[in-house]
């Protein structure tokens, strides 16, 4: 009997060690926020901008999540003049303990202009940002491609990489992408046009209730693809934007993500994952994730890319968009 107990105990230890059961994935994710100081700033009237901005920054600070935000310096200006109130929005991010990176001056596409023009737009995007970070004891080090368009050829990517290296930048990839911007456009549309307060709040609530599950389905999709491609989960990098929808939803989304077992980490920590040393295999014009770029380098079959969650039709219609 005693020998039997010993054998049972040994089996239990083997199972605990992961020899009997698959180990739980190490779910880690870095949160990045694009288009600072605010998405669509200057494109539409935003009467509640100050309140929404304060709400987003406060919500992120409350969650104690590390954040790296990416700035378009053109949004700091009106008719070529830097606006102190918009500068203060960036200072608010830094005061909250977050880091800021360069997203080009004008959110220009790398695929729409010559490379030298694109590089000059990057340098123009650090004129204010670099000294602002220095005032706060930080160094400008992160760059994020607008539209996730990273170059139509290996040569273009390599040339840009060398330029960025010379200017002490690191590229901030994205592994968890989404059409969150469409949900945000729909949210703004309701806020702008619905005059009945009851109907307005009901529609906004419907959007918030649909948005969080949609984002989690996207998270699940890229988690599954990561496992299939790499045999494990890399440290993920999540792309979102500074907008009213996230100001009203981000705390719930972060809480739901944590319930899924994710731990939020800094972008720097995420980039220590060896997955980010893998080659890219995409030379097209679309803005796609690094999971998909790595998959193309590995010549994964078409089935690998199928099944990605889509934005519901009613949200597309509200946002005035025909496609993602």
C-alpha atoms as a PDB file:
ATOM      1  CA  UNK A   1       0.000   0.000   0.000  1.00  0.00           C
ATOM      2  CA  UNK A   2       2.785   2.380   0.956  1.00  0.00           C
ATOM      3  CA  UNK A   3       4.510   1.777  -2.422  1.00  0.00           C
ATOM      4  CA  UNK A   4       1.208   2.452  -4.171  1.00  0.00           C
ATOM      5  CA  UNK A   5       0.861   5.798  -2.376  1.00  0.00           C
ATOM      6  CA  UNK A   6       4.391   6.713  -3.372  1.00  0.00           C
ATOM      7  CA  UNK A   7       3.636   5.909  -7.012  1.00  0.00           C
ATOM      8  CA  UNK A   8       0.433   8.014  -6.888  1.00  0.00           C
ATOM      9  CA  UNK A   9       2.314  10.886  -5.314  1.00  0.00           C
ATOM     10  CA  UNK A  10       5.008  10.726  -7.951  1.00  0.00           C
ATOM     11  CA  UNK A  11       2.381  10.790 -10.693  1.00  0.00           C
ATOM     12  CA  UNK A  12       0.800  13.866  -9.148  1.00  0.00           C
ATOM     13  CA  UNK A  13       4.162  15.632  -9.063  1.00  0.00           C
ATOM     14  CA  UNK A  14       4.734  14.803 -12.723  1.00  0.00           C
ATOM     15  CA  UNK A  15       1.328  16.214 -13.616  1.00  0.00           C
ATOM     16  CA  UNK A  16       2.008  19.379 -11.642  1.00  0.00           C
ATOM     17  CA  UNK A  17       5.356  19.709 -13.402  1.00  0.00           C
ATOM     18  CA  UNK A  18       3.501  19.847 -16.694  1.00  0.00           C
ATOM     19  CA  UNK A  19       4.327  16.336 -17.851  1.00  0.00           C
ATOM     20  CA  UNK A  20       0.768  15.180 -17.444  1.00  0.00           C
ATOM     21  CA  UNK A  21      -1.061  18.389 -18.427  1.00  0.00           C
ATOM     22  CA  UNK A  22      -0.340  21.299 -20.751  1.00  0.00           C
ATOM     23  CA  UNK A  23       1.086  24.303 -18.944  1.00  0.00           C
ATOM     24  CA  UNK A  24      -1.064  27.440 -18.756  1.00  0.00           C
ATOM     25  CA  UNK A  25       0.128  30.006 -21.369  1.00  0.00           C
ATOM     26  CA  UNK A  26       2.147  32.940 -20.081  1.00  0.00           C
ATOM     27  CA  UNK A  27      -0.255  35.713 -21.062  1.00  0.00           C
ATOM     28  CA  UNK A  28       1.533  39.084 -21.158  1.00  0.00           C
ATOM     29  CA  UNK A  29       0.504  42.183 -23.075  1.00  0.00           C
ATOM     30  CA  UNK A  30       1.722  45.763 -23.588  1.00  0.00           C
ATOM     31  CA  UNK A  31      -0.886  48.481 -24.160  1.00  0.00           C
ATOM     32  CA  UNK A  32      -0.140  51.186 -26.734  1.00  0.00           C
ATOM     33  CA  UNK A  33      -2.338  54.187 -27.577  1.00  0.00           C
ATOM     34  CA  UNK A  34      -1.984  55.849 -30.995  1.00  0.00           C
ATOM     35  CA  UNK A  35      -2.885  59.269 -32.422  1.00  0.00           C
ATOM     36  CA  UNK A  36      -2.184  61.434 -29.382  1.00  0.00           C
ATOM     37  CA  UNK A  37      -3.134  63.898 -28.183  1.00  0.00           C
ATOM     38  CA  UNK A  38      -6.543  62.702 -29.513  1.00  0.00           C
ATOM     39  CA  UNK A  39      -7.892  60.715 -32.418  1.00  0.00           C
ATOM     40  CA  UNK A  40      -9.632  62.849 -35.089  1.00  0.00           C
ATOM     41  CA  UNK A  41      -8.530  66.036 -33.319  1.00  0.00           C
ATOM     42  CA  UNK A  42      -9.166  68.870 -35.757  1.00  0.00           C
ATOM     43  CA  UNK A  43     -11.379  66.728 -38.000  1.00  0.00           C
ATOM     44  CA  UNK A  44     -14.576  67.226 -35.994  1.00  0.00           C
ATOM     45  CA  UNK A  45     -15.927  69.438 -33.230  1.00  0.00           C
ATOM     46  CA  UNK A  46     -15.284  67.882 -29.819  1.00  0.00           C
ATOM     47  CA  UNK A  47     -17.124  69.917 -27.217  1.00  0.00           C
ATOM     48  CA  UNK A  48     -16.356  67.387 -24.482  1.00  0.00           C
ATOM     49  CA  UNK A  49     -12.665  66.963 -25.371  1.00  0.00           C
ATOM     50  CA  UNK A  50     -11.217  68.154 -22.058  1.00  0.00           C
ATOM     51  CA  UNK A  51     -13.518  65.918 -20.029  1.00  0.00           C
ATOM     52  CA  UNK A  52     -13.025  62.867 -22.258  1.00  0.00           C
ATOM     53  CA  UNK A  53      -9.242  63.267 -22.285  1.00  0.00           C
ATOM     54  CA  UNK A  54      -9.150  63.608 -18.491  1.00  0.00           C
ATOM     55  CA  UNK A  55     -11.407  60.576 -18.186  1.00  0.00           C
ATOM     56  CA  UNK A  56      -9.185  58.398 -20.399  1.00  0.00           C
ATOM     57  CA  UNK A  57      -5.936  59.338 -18.651  1.00  0.00           C
ATOM     58  CA  UNK A  58      -7.502  58.920 -15.195  1.00  0.00           C
ATOM     59  CA  UNK A  59      -8.990  55.531 -16.121  1.00  0.00           C
ATOM     60  CA  UNK A  60      -5.652  54.241 -17.374  1.00  0.00           C
ATOM     61  CA  UNK A  61      -3.866  55.520 -14.290  1.00  0.00           C
ATOM     62  CA  UNK A  62      -6.498  53.899 -12.058  1.00  0.00           C
ATOM     63  CA  UNK A  63      -5.874  50.510 -13.669  1.00  0.00           C
ATOM     64  CA  UNK A  64      -2.099  50.801 -12.992  1.00  0.00           C
ATOM     65  CA  UNK A  65      -1.357  49.581 -16.522  1.00  0.00           C
ATOM     66  CA  UNK A  66       1.896  50.677 -18.229  1.00  0.00           C
ATOM     67  CA  UNK A  67       1.084  52.644 -21.392  1.00  0.00           C
ATOM     68  CA  UNK A  68       3.098  53.917 -24.338  1.00  0.00           C
ATOM     69  CA  UNK A  69       1.321  56.613 -26.345  1.00  0.00           C
ATOM     70  CA  UNK A  70       2.254  57.673 -29.877  1.00  0.00           C
ATOM     71  CA  UNK A  71       2.039  61.332 -30.872  1.00  0.00           C
ATOM     72  CA  UNK A  72       1.222  63.154 -34.114  1.00  0.00           C
ATOM     73  CA  UNK A  73       2.666  66.624 -33.517  1.00  0.00           C
ATOM     74  CA  UNK A  74       0.504  68.170 -36.258  1.00  0.00           C
ATOM     75  CA  UNK A  75      -2.447  67.729 -33.908  1.00  0.00           C
ATOM     76  CA  UNK A  76      -0.854  70.153 -31.467  1.00  0.00           C
ATOM     77  CA  UNK A  77      -1.350  72.978 -33.961  1.00  0.00           C
ATOM     78  CA  UNK A  78      -4.110  75.168 -35.341  1.00  0.00           C
ATOM     79  CA  UNK A  79      -3.077  77.127 -38.442  1.00  0.00           C
ATOM     80  CA  UNK A  80       0.542  76.358 -37.701  1.00  0.00           C
ATOM     81  CA  UNK A  81       0.420  77.596 -34.124  1.00  0.00           C
ATOM     82  CA  UNK A  82       1.006  75.197 -31.232  1.00  0.00           C
ATOM     83  CA  UNK A  83      -1.946  75.268 -28.837  1.00  0.00           C
ATOM     84  CA  UNK A  84      -1.035  75.321 -25.118  1.00  0.00           C
ATOM     85  CA  UNK A  85      -4.145  73.299 -24.212  1.00  0.00           C
ATOM     86  CA  UNK A  86      -3.094  70.502 -26.563  1.00  0.00           C
ATOM     87  CA  UNK A  87       0.453  70.586 -25.226  1.00  0.00           C
ATOM     88  CA  UNK A  88      -1.041  70.184 -21.760  1.00  0.00           C
ATOM     89  CA  UNK A  89      -2.771  67.016 -22.930  1.00  0.00           C
ATOM     90  CA  UNK A  90       0.642  65.464 -23.627  1.00  0.00           C
ATOM     91  CA  UNK A  91       1.944  66.667 -20.288  1.00  0.00           C
ATOM     92  CA  UNK A  92      -1.026  64.954 -18.647  1.00  0.00           C
ATOM     93  CA  UNK A  93       0.100  61.609 -20.120  1.00  0.00           C
ATOM     94  CA  UNK A  94       3.623  62.136 -18.804  1.00  0.00           C
ATOM     95  CA  UNK A  95       2.389  63.262 -15.384  1.00  0.00           C
ATOM     96  CA  UNK A  96       0.341  60.069 -15.174  1.00  0.00           C
ATOM     97  CA  UNK A  97       3.579  58.098 -15.565  1.00  0.00           C
ATOM     98  CA  UNK A  98       3.159  57.021 -19.186  1.00  0.00           C
ATOM     99  CA  UNK A  99       5.721  57.066 -21.994  1.00  0.00           C
ATOM    100  CA  UNK A 100       5.355  58.837 -25.345  1.00  0.00           C
ATOM    101  CA  UNK A 101       6.676  57.873 -28.769  1.00  0.00           C
ATOM    102  CA  UNK A 102       6.749  59.284 -32.306  1.00  0.00           C
ATOM    103  CA  UNK A 103       3.933  58.459 -34.747  1.00  0.00           C
ATOM    104  CA  UNK A 104       5.210  60.894 -37.421  1.00  0.00           C
ATOM    105  CA  UNK A 105       4.218  64.547 -37.599  1.00  0.00           C
ATOM    106  CA  UNK A 106       1.230  64.196 -39.914  1.00  0.00           C
ATOM    107  CA  UNK A 107       0.277  60.496 -39.719  1.00  0.00           C
ATOM    108  CA  UNK A 108       1.604  60.017 -43.238  1.00  0.00           C
ATOM    109  CA  UNK A 109       1.631  56.610 -44.921  1.00  0.00           C
ATOM    110  CA  UNK A 110       5.044  55.170 -45.721  1.00  0.00           C
ATOM    111  CA  UNK A 111       3.490  53.803 -48.906  1.00  0.00           C
ATOM    112  CA  UNK A 112       2.138  57.166 -50.085  1.00  0.00           C
ATOM    113  CA  UNK A 113       5.316  59.264 -50.184  1.00  0.00           C
ATOM    114  CA  UNK A 114       9.006  58.756 -51.048  1.00  0.00           C
ATOM    115  CA  UNK A 115      11.082  57.361 -48.205  1.00  0.00           C
ATOM    116  CA  UNK A 116      13.064  60.570 -47.726  1.00  0.00           C
ATOM    117  CA  UNK A 117       9.826  62.539 -47.324  1.00  0.00           C
ATOM    118  CA  UNK A 118       8.591  59.989 -44.799  1.00  0.00           C
ATOM    119  CA  UNK A 119      11.818  60.235 -42.843  1.00  0.00           C
ATOM    120  CA  UNK A 120      11.550  64.020 -42.722  1.00  0.00           C
ATOM    121  CA  UNK A 121       8.012  63.669 -41.362  1.00  0.00           C
ATOM    122  CA  UNK A 122       9.421  61.480 -38.586  1.00  0.00           C
ATOM    123  CA  UNK A 123      11.998  64.145 -37.708  1.00  0.00           C
ATOM    124  CA  UNK A 124       9.349  66.855 -37.818  1.00  0.00           C
ATOM    125  CA  UNK A 125       7.344  64.730 -35.388  1.00  0.00           C
ATOM    126  CA  UNK A 126       9.996  65.008 -32.688  1.00  0.00           C
ATOM    127  CA  UNK A 127      10.568  68.788 -32.661  1.00  0.00           C
ATOM    128  CA  UNK A 128       8.319  69.280 -29.628  1.00  0.00           C
ATOM    129  CA  UNK A 129       8.271  65.735 -28.327  1.00  0.00           C
ATOM    130  CA  UNK A 130      11.979  65.222 -27.768  1.00  0.00           C
ATOM    131  CA  UNK A 131      12.523  68.293 -25.525  1.00  0.00           C
ATOM    132  CA  UNK A 132       9.204  67.672 -23.771  1.00  0.00           C
ATOM    133  CA  UNK A 133      10.333  64.189 -22.780  1.00  0.00           C
ATOM    134  CA  UNK A 134      13.713  65.535 -21.704  1.00  0.00           C
ATOM    135  CA  UNK A 135      11.945  67.942 -19.339  1.00  0.00           C
ATOM    136  CA  UNK A 136      10.417  64.864 -17.700  1.00  0.00           C
ATOM    137  CA  UNK A 137      13.638  62.880 -17.525  1.00  0.00           C
ATOM    138  CA  UNK A 138      12.698  60.641 -20.454  1.00  0.00           C
ATOM    139  CA  UNK A 139      14.353  59.887 -23.780  1.00  0.00           C
ATOM    140  CA  UNK A 140      12.419  59.585 -27.029  1.00  0.00           C
ATOM    141  CA  UNK A 141      12.979  56.015 -28.199  1.00  0.00           C
ATOM    142  CA  UNK A 142       9.818  54.505 -29.755  1.00  0.00           C
ATOM    143  CA  UNK A 143       8.447  54.841 -33.284  1.00  0.00           C
ATOM    144  CA  UNK A 144       5.151  53.462 -34.579  1.00  0.00           C
ATOM    145  CA  UNK A 145       4.304  53.306 -38.309  1.00  0.00           C
ATOM    146  CA  UNK A 146       1.022  55.032 -39.187  1.00  0.00           C
ATOM    147  CA  UNK A 147      -1.515  52.551 -40.580  1.00  0.00           C
ATOM    148  CA  UNK A 148       1.035  49.813 -39.670  1.00  0.00           C
ATOM    149  CA  UNK A 149       2.435  50.277 -43.178  1.00  0.00           C
ATOM    150  CA  UNK A 150       6.059  49.285 -42.758  1.00  0.00           C
ATOM    151  CA  UNK A 151       7.441  49.146 -46.315  1.00  0.00           C
ATOM    152  CA  UNK A 152       6.695  47.439 -49.615  1.00  0.00           C
ATOM    153  CA  UNK A 153      10.063  45.692 -49.826  1.00  0.00           C
ATOM    154  CA  UNK A 154      12.768  44.260 -47.575  1.00  0.00           C
ATOM    155  CA  UNK A 155      15.073  46.990 -48.876  1.00  0.00           C
ATOM    156  CA  UNK A 156      12.679  49.790 -47.867  1.00  0.00           C
ATOM    157  CA  UNK A 157      12.211  48.261 -44.418  1.00  0.00           C
ATOM    158  CA  UNK A 158      15.966  47.900 -43.991  1.00  0.00           C
ATOM    159  CA  UNK A 159      16.622  51.492 -45.075  1.00  0.00           C
ATOM    160  CA  UNK A 160      14.020  52.831 -42.667  1.00  0.00           C
ATOM    161  CA  UNK A 161      15.360  50.622 -39.875  1.00  0.00           C
ATOM    162  CA  UNK A 162      18.846  52.073 -40.386  1.00  0.00           C
ATOM    163  CA  UNK A 163      17.460  55.626 -40.366  1.00  0.00           C
ATOM    164  CA  UNK A 164      15.580  54.952 -37.142  1.00  0.00           C
ATOM    165  CA  UNK A 165      18.651  53.383 -35.560  1.00  0.00           C
ATOM    166  CA  UNK A 166      20.717  56.456 -36.424  1.00  0.00           C
ATOM    167  CA  UNK A 167      18.138  58.596 -34.613  1.00  0.00           C
ATOM    168  CA  UNK A 168      17.954  56.272 -31.590  1.00  0.00           C
ATOM    169  CA  UNK A 169      14.473  54.889 -32.296  1.00  0.00           C
ATOM    170  CA  UNK A 170      13.107  51.405 -31.824  1.00  0.00           C
ATOM    171  CA  UNK A 171      10.126  50.223 -33.880  1.00  0.00           C
ATOM    172  CA  UNK A 172       7.010  49.441 -31.849  1.00  0.00           C
ATOM    173  CA  UNK A 173       5.338  46.459 -33.578  1.00  0.00           C
ATOM    174  CA  UNK A 174       1.715  45.398 -33.105  1.00  0.00           C
ATOM    175  CA  UNK A 175       0.547  41.820 -32.627  1.00  0.00           C
ATOM    176  CA  UNK A 176      -3.052  42.509 -31.525  1.00  0.00           C
ATOM    177  CA  UNK A 177      -4.782  44.767 -34.048  1.00  0.00           C
ATOM    178  CA  UNK A 178      -8.479  45.501 -34.430  1.00  0.00           C
ATOM    179  CA  UNK A 179     -10.998  47.832 -36.049  1.00  0.00           C
ATOM    180  CA  UNK A 180     -11.548  49.652 -32.756  1.00  0.00           C
ATOM    181  CA  UNK A 181     -11.443  52.919 -34.729  1.00  0.00           C
ATOM    182  CA  UNK A 182     -14.687  51.965 -36.493  1.00  0.00           C
ATOM    183  CA  UNK A 183     -16.432  51.437 -33.164  1.00  0.00           C
ATOM    184  CA  UNK A 184     -15.035  54.811 -32.070  1.00  0.00           C
ATOM    185  CA  UNK A 185     -16.334  56.525 -35.222  1.00  0.00           C
ATOM    186  CA  UNK A 186     -19.785  55.038 -34.553  1.00  0.00           C
ATOM    187  CA  UNK A 187     -19.599  56.219 -30.937  1.00  0.00           C
ATOM    188  CA  UNK A 188     -18.708  59.750 -32.046  1.00  0.00           C
ATOM    189  CA  UNK A 189     -21.503  59.726 -34.621  1.00  0.00           C
ATOM    190  CA  UNK A 190     -24.098  59.001 -31.946  1.00  0.00           C
ATOM    191  CA  UNK A 191     -22.595  61.600 -29.624  1.00  0.00           C
ATOM    192  CA  UNK A 192     -22.661  64.198 -32.410  1.00  0.00           C
ATOM    193  CA  UNK A 193     -26.093  63.594 -33.945  1.00  0.00           C
ATOM    194  CA  UNK A 194     -28.507  61.987 -31.460  1.00  0.00           C
ATOM    195  CA  UNK A 195     -30.447  64.789 -29.751  1.00  0.00           C
ATOM    196  CA  UNK A 196     -32.774  62.656 -27.615  1.00  0.00           C
ATOM    197  CA  UNK A 197     -30.852  62.112 -24.346  1.00  0.00           C
ATOM    198  CA  UNK A 198     -32.538  58.786 -23.600  1.00  0.00           C
ATOM    199  CA  UNK A 199     -32.011  57.397 -27.104  1.00  0.00           C
ATOM    200  CA  UNK A 200     -28.461  58.753 -27.127  1.00  0.00           C
ATOM    201  CA  UNK A 201     -27.448  56.994 -23.914  1.00  0.00           C
ATOM    202  CA  UNK A 202     -29.184  53.776 -24.950  1.00  0.00           C
ATOM    203  CA  UNK A 203     -27.265  53.657 -28.235  1.00  0.00           C
ATOM    204  CA  UNK A 204     -23.954  54.531 -26.574  1.00  0.00           C
ATOM    205  CA  UNK A 205     -24.535  51.797 -24.006  1.00  0.00           C
ATOM    206  CA  UNK A 206     -25.254  49.318 -26.807  1.00  0.00           C
ATOM    207  CA  UNK A 207     -21.959  50.236 -28.473  1.00  0.00           C
ATOM    208  CA  UNK A 208     -19.985  49.876 -25.234  1.00  0.00           C
ATOM    209  CA  UNK A 209     -21.584  46.492 -24.518  1.00  0.00           C
ATOM    210  CA  UNK A 210     -20.670  45.258 -27.984  1.00  0.00           C
ATOM    211  CA  UNK A 211     -17.209  46.784 -28.078  1.00  0.00           C
ATOM    212  CA  UNK A 212     -15.611  44.980 -25.138  1.00  0.00           C
ATOM    213  CA  UNK A 213     -16.617  41.444 -26.288  1.00  0.00           C
ATOM    214  CA  UNK A 214     -15.455  42.316 -29.824  1.00  0.00           C
ATOM    215  CA  UNK A 215     -12.035  43.353 -28.520  1.00  0.00           C
ATOM    216  CA  UNK A 216     -11.763  40.172 -26.467  1.00  0.00           C
ATOM    217  CA  UNK A 217     -12.631  38.055 -29.506  1.00  0.00           C
ATOM    218  CA  UNK A 218      -9.807  39.788 -31.373  1.00  0.00           C
ATOM    219  CA  UNK A 219      -7.492  39.051 -28.470  1.00  0.00           C
ATOM    220  CA  UNK A 220      -8.517  35.390 -28.546  1.00  0.00           C
ATOM    221  CA  UNK A 221      -8.029  35.207 -32.318  1.00  0.00           C
ATOM    222  CA  UNK A 222      -4.456  36.486 -32.214  1.00  0.00           C
ATOM    223  CA  UNK A 223      -3.682  34.352 -29.172  1.00  0.00           C
ATOM    224  CA  UNK A 224      -4.751  31.269 -31.121  1.00  0.00           C
ATOM    225  CA  UNK A 225      -2.745  32.304 -34.184  1.00  0.00           C
ATOM    226  CA  UNK A 226       0.307  32.994 -32.029  1.00  0.00           C
ATOM    227  CA  UNK A 227       0.090  29.530 -30.496  1.00  0.00           C
ATOM    228  CA  UNK A 228      -0.318  27.930 -33.904  1.00  0.00           C
ATOM    229  CA  UNK A 229       2.617  29.819 -35.412  1.00  0.00           C
ATOM    230  CA  UNK A 230       5.081  29.848 -32.529  1.00  0.00           C
ATOM    231  CA  UNK A 231       3.951  26.967 -30.354  1.00  0.00           C
ATOM    232  CA  UNK A 232       3.667  29.415 -27.453  1.00  0.00           C
ATOM    233  CA  UNK A 233       2.396  32.890 -26.632  1.00  0.00           C
ATOM    234  CA  UNK A 234       4.775  35.780 -27.250  1.00  0.00           C
ATOM    235  CA  UNK A 235       4.520  38.970 -25.227  1.00  0.00           C
ATOM    236  CA  UNK A 236       1.747  40.701 -27.157  1.00  0.00           C
ATOM    237  CA  UNK A 237       1.492  44.379 -28.150  1.00  0.00           C
ATOM    238  CA  UNK A 238      -2.044  45.802 -28.322  1.00  0.00           C
ATOM    239  CA  UNK A 239      -3.023  48.787 -30.484  1.00  0.00           C
ATOM    240  CA  UNK A 240      -5.766  51.215 -29.463  1.00  0.00           C
ATOM    241  CA  UNK A 241      -6.456  54.941 -29.869  1.00  0.00           C
ATOM    242  CA  UNK A 242      -7.198  57.968 -27.722  1.00  0.00           C
ATOM    243  CA  UNK A 243     -10.937  58.495 -28.198  1.00  0.00           C
ATOM    244  CA  UNK A 244     -14.216  58.893 -26.322  1.00  0.00           C
ATOM    245  CA  UNK A 245     -15.126  55.219 -26.651  1.00  0.00           C
ATOM    246  CA  UNK A 246     -12.001  54.144 -24.798  1.00  0.00           C
ATOM    247  CA  UNK A 247     -12.433  56.919 -22.258  1.00  0.00           C
ATOM    248  CA  UNK A 248     -15.778  55.337 -21.381  1.00  0.00           C
ATOM    249  CA  UNK A 249     -14.768  51.663 -21.793  1.00  0.00           C
ATOM    250  CA  UNK A 250     -11.085  51.132 -21.079  1.00  0.00           C
ATOM    251  CA  UNK A 251     -11.421  50.188 -17.409  1.00  0.00           C
ATOM    252  CA  UNK A 252     -13.950  47.469 -18.211  1.00  0.00           C
ATOM    253  CA  UNK A 253     -11.826  46.199 -21.120  1.00  0.00           C
ATOM    254  CA  UNK A 254      -8.667  46.006 -19.013  1.00  0.00           C
ATOM    255  CA  UNK A 255     -10.512  44.245 -16.188  1.00  0.00           C
ATOM    256  CA  UNK A 256     -11.954  41.701 -18.638  1.00  0.00           C
ATOM    257  CA  UNK A 257      -8.501  41.144 -20.144  1.00  0.00           C
ATOM    258  CA  UNK A 258      -7.046  40.476 -16.706  1.00  0.00           C
ATOM    259  CA  UNK A 259      -9.832  37.992 -16.016  1.00  0.00           C
ATOM    260  CA  UNK A 260      -8.586  36.126 -19.093  1.00  0.00           C
ATOM    261  CA  UNK A 261      -5.248  35.721 -17.340  1.00  0.00           C
ATOM    262  CA  UNK A 262      -3.305  38.530 -18.999  1.00  0.00           C
ATOM    263  CA  UNK A 263      -0.674  40.534 -17.150  1.00  0.00           C
ATOM    264  CA  UNK A 264       0.039  44.033 -18.486  1.00  0.00           C
ATOM    265  CA  UNK A 265       3.709  44.818 -19.050  1.00  0.00           C
ATOM    266  CA  UNK A 266       5.752  47.668 -20.503  1.00  0.00           C
ATOM    267  CA  UNK A 267       6.476  47.868 -24.208  1.00  0.00           C
ATOM    268  CA  UNK A 268      10.179  47.542 -23.386  1.00  0.00           C
ATOM    269  CA  UNK A 269       9.560  44.280 -21.535  1.00  0.00           C
ATOM    270  CA  UNK A 270       7.425  42.958 -24.386  1.00  0.00           C
ATOM    271  CA  UNK A 271      10.193  43.668 -26.877  1.00  0.00           C
ATOM    272  CA  UNK A 272      12.570  41.411 -24.934  1.00  0.00           C
ATOM    273  CA  UNK A 273      10.594  38.440 -26.261  1.00  0.00           C
ATOM    274  CA  UNK A 274      12.727  36.627 -28.895  1.00  0.00           C
ATOM    275  CA  UNK A 275       9.715  36.466 -31.232  1.00  0.00           C
ATOM    276  CA  UNK A 276      10.482  40.068 -32.231  1.00  0.00           C
ATOM    277  CA  UNK A 277      13.752  38.928 -33.787  1.00  0.00           C
ATOM    278  CA  UNK A 278      11.842  36.889 -36.383  1.00  0.00           C
ATOM    279  CA  UNK A 279      11.950  38.033 -40.031  1.00  0.00           C
ATOM    280  CA  UNK A 280       8.968  39.614 -41.751  1.00  0.00           C
ATOM    281  CA  UNK A 281       7.595  38.181 -44.946  1.00  0.00           C
ATOM    282  CA  UNK A 282       5.108  40.817 -46.142  1.00  0.00           C
ATOM    283  CA  UNK A 283       5.686  43.363 -48.917  1.00  0.00           C
ATOM    284  CA  UNK A 284       2.119  44.521 -49.583  1.00  0.00           C
ATOM    285  CA  UNK A 285       0.368  47.792 -48.857  1.00  0.00           C
ATOM    286  CA  UNK A 286      -1.978  46.741 -46.076  1.00  0.00           C
ATOM    287  CA  UNK A 287      -1.347  47.466 -42.421  1.00  0.00           C
ATOM    288  CA  UNK A 288      -1.201  44.057 -40.777  1.00  0.00           C
ATOM    289  CA  UNK A 289       0.117  42.658 -37.521  1.00  0.00           C
ATOM    290  CA  UNK A 290       3.538  41.201 -36.902  1.00  0.00           C
ATOM    291  CA  UNK A 291       1.918  37.823 -36.216  1.00  0.00           C
ATOM    292  CA  UNK A 292       0.707  37.863 -39.814  1.00  0.00           C
ATOM    293  CA  UNK A 293       4.054  39.164 -41.107  1.00  0.00           C
ATOM    294  CA  UNK A 294       5.913  36.337 -39.353  1.00  0.00           C
ATOM    295  CA  UNK A 295       3.391  33.837 -40.690  1.00  0.00           C
ATOM    296  CA  UNK A 296       4.036  35.026 -44.240  1.00  0.00           C
ATOM    297  CA  UNK A 297       7.773  34.603 -43.709  1.00  0.00           C
ATOM    298  CA  UNK A 298       7.015  31.025 -42.645  1.00  0.00           C
ATOM    299  CA  UNK A 299       4.726  30.568 -45.689  1.00  0.00           C
ATOM    300  CA  UNK A 300       1.738  29.549 -43.607  1.00  0.00           C
ATOM    301  CA  UNK A 301      -1.295  28.350 -45.615  1.00  0.00           C
ATOM    302  CA  UNK A 302      -4.250  30.626 -46.364  1.00  0.00           C
ATOM    303  CA  UNK A 303      -6.326  28.848 -43.736  1.00  0.00           C
ATOM    304  CA  UNK A 304      -4.054  30.316 -41.055  1.00  0.00           C
ATOM    305  CA  UNK A 305      -5.420  33.823 -41.690  1.00  0.00           C
ATOM    306  CA  UNK A 306      -9.099  32.922 -41.755  1.00  0.00           C
ATOM    307  CA  UNK A 307     -11.680  33.440 -39.029  1.00  0.00           C
ATOM    308  CA  UNK A 308     -10.690  36.887 -37.817  1.00  0.00           C
ATOM    309  CA  UNK A 309     -13.656  38.562 -36.021  1.00  0.00           C
ATOM    310  CA  UNK A 310     -15.348  41.334 -37.997  1.00  0.00           C
ATOM    311  CA  UNK A 311     -17.152  44.509 -36.951  1.00  0.00           C
ATOM    312  CA  UNK A 312     -20.952  43.945 -36.979  1.00  0.00           C
ATOM    313  CA  UNK A 313     -22.869  45.517 -39.833  1.00  0.00           C
ATOM    314  CA  UNK A 314     -24.914  47.820 -37.613  1.00  0.00           C
ATOM    315  CA  UNK A 315     -21.709  49.347 -36.216  1.00  0.00           C
ATOM    316  CA  UNK A 316     -20.272  49.771 -39.717  1.00  0.00           C
ATOM    317  CA  UNK A 317     -23.461  51.557 -40.752  1.00  0.00           C
ATOM    318  CA  UNK A 318     -23.398  53.866 -37.735  1.00  0.00           C
ATOM    319  CA  UNK A 319     -19.750  54.702 -38.427  1.00  0.00           C
ATOM    320  CA  UNK A 320     -20.430  55.403 -42.098  1.00  0.00           C
ATOM    321  CA  UNK A 321     -17.841  52.821 -43.213  1.00  0.00           C
ATOM    322  CA  UNK A 322     -18.228  50.350 -46.055  1.00  0.00           C
ATOM    323  CA  UNK A 323     -15.323  48.107 -45.118  1.00  0.00           C
ATOM    324  CA  UNK A 324     -12.635  47.546 -42.523  1.00  0.00           C
END
